Amino acid sequence: MSIILGIDASQSVASCAIGNDDGVIASAIMEKPIENFPKLIRKILSDSNKSIQEIDEIVVCIGPGSQMGTRTAVVTGNALALALNKPISGVLSTDAAAVASCNKTQTVAVSAGRRRWFVRDYIYENEKIMADGDVDLVDEVPENVSPSFYNLDSSDNTAINCAEGALLVAINQRHLIVQNMLSEVRAYD
């Protein structure tokens, strides 16, 4: 059974989750300074009773969202993938939100910061969640759409985070993976 590590910093908090083919084993969020990622990954490994050597794959939310946060998550994921010699994949945060919400047909919204939102429509076809249109940047969340993902200020402790959403994409909806990230890494000449 594959062990998958999901990481994200594209949203208002950094998140990390670990799981296998059966689902999420452990998940945590933390305020987002760059230096917190190693601590967050160590916490998830400890909470799941897994070692870093047991990780078989890494998935990273590659945005849309915070540009600095996304870069931090991608660099952290790539460093781990290179050190462990494991595959790494990128997942859009809107795709992670769509899979995490478990609704068949929906519109999802993820934070763009400064009270703006990235919004995308999804449909459910043949047991697959499919994007229905492009990602739009809007100033207000459309009616009947709840902003996605957990926020440190939220009182909802059951809300899912973006790393969990990316993990669920890797487990259940692999067609939404948008890129294999190490294929672009080149050795220094």
Protein backbone atom coordinates (compact mmCIF):
# COMPACT_ATOMS: atom_id res chain seq x y z
CA MET A 1 0.00 0.00 0.00
CA SER A 2 1.50 3.33 -1.10
CA ILE A 3 2.21 6.04 1.47
CA ILE A 4 1.59 9.52 0.03
CA LEU A 5 2.64 12.85 1.56
CA GLY A 6 0.62 15.94 0.64
CA ILE A 7 1.90 19.47 1.30
CA ASP A 8 0.50 22.93 0.67
CA ALA A 9 1.12 26.57 1.48
CA SER A 10 -1.03 28.15 -1.25
CA GLN A 11 -3.83 28.92 1.22
CA SER A 12 -4.02 30.97 4.43
CA VAL A 13 -2.18 28.26 6.38
CA ALA A 14 0.47 25.67 5.59
CA SER A 15 -0.88 22.13 5.64
CA CYS A 16 0.51 18.65 5.49
CA ALA A 17 -1.21 15.27 5.28
CA ILE A 18 -0.13 11.67 4.97
CA GLY A 19 -2.25 8.82 3.73
CA ASN A 20 -2.50 5.61 1.78
CA ASP A 21 -4.93 3.98 -0.66
CA ASP A 22 -7.56 3.88 2.10
CA GLY A 23 -7.47 7.63 2.78
CA VAL A 24 -5.94 10.22 5.09
CA ILE A 25 -3.99 8.84 8.08
CA ALA A 26 -2.92 12.14 9.68
CA SER A 27 -3.17 15.82 8.87
CA ALA A 28 -2.14 19.12 10.43
CA ILE A 29 -2.05 22.84 9.72
CA MET A 30 0.27 25.58 10.92
CA GLU A 31 0.82 29.26 10.37
CA LYS A 32 2.78 29.72 7.21
CA PRO A 33 6.34 30.96 7.74
CA ILE A 34 8.72 29.07 5.48
CA GLU A 35 10.74 27.67 8.36
CA ASN A 36 7.68 25.78 9.71
CA PHE A 37 7.51 23.20 6.91
CA PRO A 38 10.11 20.78 8.31
CA LYS A 39 8.42 20.94 11.73
CA LEU A 40 5.01 20.32 10.16
CA ILE A 41 6.27 17.32 8.15
CA ARG A 42 7.95 15.84 11.23
CA LYS A 43 4.67 16.23 13.16
CA ILE A 44 2.68 14.40 10.48
CA LEU A 45 5.20 11.58 10.30
CA SER A 46 5.11 11.25 14.10
CA ASP A 47 1.29 11.39 14.25
CA SER A 48 1.02 8.65 11.60
CA ASN A 49 3.82 6.47 13.05
CA LYS A 50 5.61 6.58 9.69
CA SER A 51 9.21 7.32 8.85
CA ILE A 52 10.29 9.57 6.02
CA GLN A 53 11.77 6.54 4.24
CA GLU A 54 8.27 4.97 4.05
CA ILE A 55 6.95 7.75 1.78
CA ASP A 56 6.29 6.43 -1.74
CA GLU A 57 5.02 9.62 -3.40
CA ILE A 58 4.69 13.35 -2.75
CA VAL A 59 1.87 15.59 -3.97
CA VAL A 60 1.99 19.39 -3.72
CA CYS A 61 -0.72 22.00 -4.25
CA ILE A 62 0.71 24.26 -6.95
CA GLY A 63 -1.87 27.04 -6.69
CA PRO A 64 -3.75 29.10 -7.49
CA GLY A 65 -3.18 30.88 -4.22
CA SER A 66 -0.31 32.53 -2.45
CA GLN A 67 2.65 32.75 -4.83
CA MET A 68 5.27 32.73 -2.06
CA GLY A 69 3.52 29.91 -0.21
CA THR A 70 3.22 27.85 -3.38
CA ARG A 71 6.91 28.32 -4.16
CA THR A 72 7.81 27.24 -0.62
CA ALA A 73 5.70 24.08 -0.85
CA VAL A 74 7.08 23.21 -4.30
CA VAL A 75 10.70 23.69 -3.21
CA THR A 76 10.10 21.65 -0.05
CA GLY A 77 8.39 18.89 -2.03
CA ASN A 78 11.09 18.81 -4.70
CA ALA A 79 13.85 18.67 -2.07
CA LEU A 80 12.15 15.73 -0.35
CA ALA A 81 11.50 13.97 -3.66
CA LEU A 82 15.13 14.35 -4.74
CA ALA A 83 16.49 13.26 -1.36
CA LEU A 84 14.18 10.22 -1.19
CA ASN A 85 14.29 9.47 -4.94
CA LYS A 86 10.46 9.47 -5.05
CA PRO A 87 7.97 10.83 -7.58
CA ILE A 88 6.34 14.22 -6.99
CA SER A 89 3.18 15.56 -8.60
CA GLY A 90 1.38 18.90 -8.67
CA VAL A 91 -2.31 19.42 -8.00
CA LEU A 92 -4.29 22.64 -8.45
CA SER A 93 -5.77 23.92 -5.19
CA THR A 94 -9.18 24.28 -6.88
CA ASP A 95 -9.04 20.61 -7.95
CA ALA A 96 -8.09 19.62 -4.39
CA ALA A 97 -11.06 21.62 -3.07
CA ALA A 98 -13.45 19.98 -5.53
CA VAL A 99 -12.35 16.46 -4.59
CA ALA A 100 -12.29 17.26 -0.86
CA SER A 101 -15.83 18.62 -0.83
CA CYS A 102 -17.26 15.36 -2.20
CA ASN A 103 -20.09 17.11 -4.04
CA LYS A 104 -20.99 15.79 -7.47
CA THR A 105 -21.53 19.11 -9.30
CA GLN A 106 -20.26 22.28 -7.74
CA THR A 107 -18.42 25.56 -7.81
CA VAL A 108 -15.40 25.86 -5.54
CA ALA A 109 -13.61 28.96 -4.26
CA VAL A 110 -10.10 29.19 -2.83
CA SER A 111 -8.48 32.29 -1.40
CA ALA A 112 -6.47 34.56 -3.65
CA GLY A 113 -5.66 36.83 -0.70
CA ARG A 114 -6.74 40.43 -0.24
CA ARG A 115 -10.41 39.35 -0.11
CA ARG A 116 -10.34 37.95 -3.64
CA TRP A 117 -11.13 34.39 -4.73
CA PHE A 118 -10.18 31.86 -7.38
CA VAL A 119 -13.38 30.18 -8.51
CA ARG A 120 -13.92 27.16 -10.78
CA ASP A 121 -16.89 25.00 -11.74
CA TYR A 122 -16.78 21.19 -11.62
CA ILE A 123 -19.04 18.42 -12.87
CA TYR A 124 -19.17 14.71 -12.05
CA GLU A 125 -18.97 12.31 -15.00
CA ASN A 126 -18.34 8.55 -14.97
CA GLU A 127 -17.20 8.60 -11.33
CA LYS A 128 -14.71 11.37 -12.09
CA ILE A 129 -14.71 15.00 -11.03
CA MET A 130 -13.99 17.13 -14.09
CA ALA A 131 -13.26 20.86 -14.40
CA ASP A 132 -15.99 22.71 -16.28
CA GLY A 133 -14.29 25.89 -17.48
CA ASP A 134 -11.30 27.94 -16.45
CA VAL A 135 -10.25 29.30 -13.07
CA ASP A 136 -11.65 32.80 -12.60
CA LEU A 137 -10.41 35.49 -10.22
CA VAL A 138 -13.34 37.29 -8.55
CA ASP A 139 -13.79 39.96 -5.90
CA GLU A 140 -16.69 38.22 -4.13
CA VAL A 141 -17.51 34.57 -3.63
CA PRO A 142 -20.55 33.72 -5.80
CA GLU A 143 -23.84 32.89 -4.05
CA ASN A 144 -24.20 29.35 -2.71
CA VAL A 145 -20.44 28.78 -2.76
CA SER A 146 -18.63 28.34 0.52
CA PRO A 147 -14.97 29.28 0.57
CA SER A 148 -12.91 26.11 0.72
CA PHE A 149 -10.32 24.85 3.18
CA TYR A 150 -9.61 25.32 6.82
CA ASN A 151 -8.55 28.66 8.23
CA LEU A 152 -6.80 29.08 11.59
CA ASP A 153 -9.50 31.59 12.54
CA SER A 154 -12.28 29.11 11.77
CA SER A 155 -14.16 27.35 14.56
CA ASP A 156 -14.83 24.36 12.28
CA ASN A 157 -12.26 21.77 13.35
CA THR A 158 -13.67 19.20 10.90
CA ALA A 159 -12.87 21.28 7.81
CA ILE A 160 -10.43 19.74 5.38
CA ASN A 161 -7.16 21.41 4.38
CA CYS A 162 -5.56 21.74 0.94
CA ALA A 163 -2.89 19.09 1.60
CA GLU A 164 -5.66 16.59 2.41
CA GLY A 165 -7.44 17.59 -0.79
CA ALA A 166 -4.27 17.02 -2.82
CA LEU A 167 -3.83 13.65 -1.12
CA LEU A 168 -7.40 12.67 -2.03
CA VAL A 169 -6.73 13.65 -5.65
CA ALA A 170 -3.70 11.30 -5.68
CA ILE A 171 -5.74 8.49 -4.13
CA ASN A 172 -9.11 8.82 -5.92
CA GLN A 173 -8.91 11.22 -8.89
CA ARG A 174 -5.40 10.88 -10.39
CA HIS A 175 -6.59 12.32 -13.72
CA LEU A 176 -6.56 15.74 -12.01
CA ILE A 177 -2.79 15.63 -11.39
CA VAL A 178 -1.48 18.40 -13.63
CA GLN A 179 2.24 17.75 -13.72
CA ASN A 180 5.04 15.45 -12.69
CA MET A 181 7.29 18.05 -11.19
CA LEU A 182 10.76 16.52 -11.24
CA SER A 183 10.66 15.96 -14.99
CA GLU A 184 11.76 19.60 -15.35
CA VAL A 185 14.63 19.44 -12.86
CA ARG A 186 17.99 19.58 -14.64
CA ALA A 187 21.40 18.84 -13.19
CA TYR A 188 23.84 21.75 -12.97
CA ASP A 189 26.27 21.75 -15.94
